[in-house]
C-alpha atoms as a PDB file:
ATOM      1  CA  MET A   1      -3.618 -10.472  45.096  1.00  0.00           C
ATOM      2  CA  SER A   2      -1.073 -12.828  43.213  1.00  0.00           C
ATOM      3  CA  ARG A   3       1.323 -11.135  40.199  1.00  0.00           C
ATOM      4  CA  PHE A   4      -0.954 -14.111  37.981  1.00  0.00           C
ATOM      5  CA  ASP A   5      -4.050 -11.913  38.882  1.00  0.00           C
ATOM      6  CA  ARG A   6      -2.930  -8.806  37.604  1.00  0.00           C
ATOM      7  CA  LEU A   7      -1.809 -10.393  34.185  1.00  0.00           C
ATOM      8  CA  THR A   8      -5.379 -10.666  33.450  1.00  0.00           C
ATOM      9  CA  GLU A   9      -6.476  -7.300  34.355  1.00  0.00           C
ATOM     10  CA  LEU A  10      -4.822  -5.749  30.956  1.00  0.00           C
ATOM     11  CA  PRO A  11      -6.862  -2.816  29.347  1.00  0.00           C
ATOM     12  CA  PRO A  12      -9.079  -3.422  26.641  1.00  0.00           C
ATOM     13  CA  THR A  13      -7.704  -2.916  23.199  1.00  0.00           C
ATOM     14  CA  PRO A  14      -8.853   0.240  21.390  1.00  0.00           C
ATOM     15  CA  LYS A  15     -11.821  -0.532  18.527  1.00  0.00           C
ATOM     16  CA  TYR A  16      -9.240   0.801  16.153  1.00  0.00           C
ATOM     17  CA  ARG A  17      -7.312  -2.167  16.370  1.00  0.00           C
ATOM     18  CA  ASN A  18      -9.631  -4.533  15.633  1.00  0.00           C
ATOM     19  CA  ARG A  19     -10.202  -3.140  11.905  1.00  0.00           C
ATOM     20  CA  PRO A  20      -8.934  -5.366   9.422  1.00  0.00           C
ATOM     21  CA  ARG A  21      -6.131  -4.122   7.715  1.00  0.00           C
ATOM     22  CA  PRO A  22      -6.384  -3.249   3.893  1.00  0.00           C
ATOM     23  CA  ARG A  23      -4.155  -5.393   2.074  1.00  0.00           C
ATOM     24  CA  VAL A  24      -2.183  -5.284  -1.394  1.00  0.00           C
ATOM     25  CA  TYR A  25      -1.801  -8.371  -3.360  1.00  0.00           C
ATOM     26  CA  PRO A  26       0.193  -9.559  -6.545  1.00  0.00           C
ATOM     27  CA  GLY A  27      -2.270  -8.970  -9.611  1.00  0.00           C
ATOM     28  CA  GLN A  28      -4.813  -6.408  -7.805  1.00  0.00           C
ATOM     29  CA  GLN A  29      -5.831  -3.453 -10.072  1.00  0.00           C
ATOM     30  CA  MET A  30      -5.027   0.119  -8.269  1.00  0.00           C
ATOM     31  CA  GLY A  31      -5.755   2.641 -10.627  1.00  0.00           C
ATOM     32  CA  ASN A  32      -3.813   2.087 -13.400  1.00  0.00           C
ATOM     33  CA  LEU A  33      -1.736   0.295 -11.862  1.00  0.00           C
ATOM     34  CA  THR A  34      -1.739  -3.593 -11.476  1.00  0.00           C
ATOM     35  CA  VAL A  35       0.874  -5.403  -8.689  1.00  0.00           C
ATOM     36  CA  VAL A  36       3.011  -7.726 -10.397  1.00  0.00           C
ATOM     37  CA  ASP A  37       5.300  -8.754  -7.194  1.00  0.00           C
ATOM     38  CA  VAL A  38       6.814  -7.614  -3.729  1.00  0.00           C
ATOM     39  CA  ASN A  39      10.339  -5.690  -4.570  1.00  0.00           C
ATOM     40  CA  GLY A  40      12.011  -5.104  -1.159  1.00  0.00           C
ATOM     41  CA  THR A  41      11.582  -2.996   1.629  1.00  0.00           C
ATOM     42  CA  ASP A  42      11.893   1.033   1.627  1.00  0.00           C
ATOM     43  CA  GLN A  43      13.864   2.540   4.146  1.00  0.00           C
ATOM     44  CA  TYR A  44      11.086   2.109   6.896  1.00  0.00           C
ATOM     45  CA  GLY A  45      10.650  -1.433   6.517  1.00  0.00           C
ATOM     46  CA  ASP A  46       7.603  -1.116   4.662  1.00  0.00           C
ATOM     47  CA  PRO A  47       6.887  -3.407   1.398  1.00  0.00           C
ATOM     48  CA  THR A  48       8.046  -2.344  -1.806  1.00  0.00           C
ATOM     49  CA  TRP A  49       5.976  -3.002  -5.062  1.00  0.00           C
ATOM     50  CA  GLU A  50       6.786  -3.574  -8.762  1.00  0.00           C
ATOM     51  CA  CYS A  51       3.761  -2.549 -10.594  1.00  0.00           C
ATOM     52  CA  ARG A  52       2.504  -2.406 -14.297  1.00  0.00           C
ATOM     53  CA  CYS A  53       1.224   0.724 -15.611  1.00  0.00           C
ATOM     54  CA  VAL A  54      -1.185   0.259 -18.597  1.00  0.00           C
ATOM     55  CA  CYS A  55       0.955   1.660 -20.814  1.00  0.00           C
ATOM     56  CA  GLY A  56       3.528  -1.054 -19.896  1.00  0.00           C
ATOM     57  CA  LYS A  57       5.551   0.753 -17.696  1.00  0.00           C
ATOM     58  CA  VAL A  58       7.113  -0.956 -14.603  1.00  0.00           C
ATOM     59  CA  VAL A  59       7.419   1.058 -11.663  1.00  0.00           C
ATOM     60  CA  THR A  60       8.261   0.612  -8.151  1.00  0.00           C
ATOM     61  CA  ILE A  61       6.009   1.797  -5.643  1.00  0.00           C
ATOM     62  CA  ARG A  62       5.687   1.987  -1.569  1.00  0.00           C
ATOM     63  CA  ASN A  63       2.871   0.048   0.058  1.00  0.00           C
ATOM     64  CA  GLN A  64       1.737   3.268   1.524  1.00  0.00           C
ATOM     65  CA  ASP A  65       0.872   4.984  -1.443  1.00  0.00           C
ATOM     66  CA  LEU A  66      -0.925   2.136  -3.191  1.00  0.00           C
ATOM     67  CA  LEU A  67      -2.931   1.763  -0.021  1.00  0.00           C
ATOM     68  CA  TRP A  68      -3.609   5.406   0.058  1.00  0.00           C
ATOM     69  CA  ARG A  69      -4.307   5.895  -3.491  1.00  0.00           C
ATOM     70  CA  ARG A  70      -1.386   8.512  -4.330  1.00  0.00           C
ATOM     71  CA  ARG A  71       0.011   6.753  -6.675  1.00  0.00           C
ATOM     72  CA  GLN A  72      -2.183   5.432  -9.403  1.00  0.00           C
ATOM     73  CA  SER A  73      -0.366   5.469 -12.583  1.00  0.00           C
ATOM     74  CA  CYS A  74       3.413   5.521 -13.529  1.00  0.00           C
ATOM     75  CA  GLY A  75       2.953   9.526 -14.296  1.00  0.00           C
ATOM     76  CA  LYS A  76       2.994   8.960 -18.448  1.00  0.00           C
ATOM     77  CA  SER A  77      -0.526   9.150 -18.717  1.00  0.00           C
ATOM     78  CA  HIS A  78      -0.609  12.584 -16.991  1.00  0.00           C
ATOM     79  CA  ARG A  79       1.872  14.053 -19.000  1.00  0.00           C
ATOM     80  CA  ARG A  80       0.393  12.411 -21.997  1.00  0.00           C
ATOM     81  CA  ALA A  81      -2.847  14.208 -21.165  1.00  0.00           C
ATOM     82  CA  LYS A  82      -1.232  17.611 -19.967  1.00  0.00           C
ATOM     83  CA  LYS A  83       0.353  17.653 -23.139  1.00  0.00           C
ATOM     84  CA  ALA A  84      -2.975  17.042 -25.045  1.00  0.00           C
ATOM     85  CA  LYS A  85      -4.524  20.105 -23.710  1.00  0.00           C
ATOM     86  CA  ARG A  86      -1.732  22.590 -24.643  1.00  0.00           C
END
């Protein structure tokens, strides 16, 4: 067996690697936020996005928080709803 034959005998990639990854695009609506533009990177090298809330406030949010739906507003609407309950 030559060294070139060993190169073709690589193990198959796991099935989960073939799934398409969710993406974030400018103009995309996520909850009450609209993605405006890429703003840079966080401490781990992941992109951060500049987003505009329906109330008009502009916030910077990590890519993972948008993809996993952790942040869906700037927080102002949550505080406003909490205040209205009192």
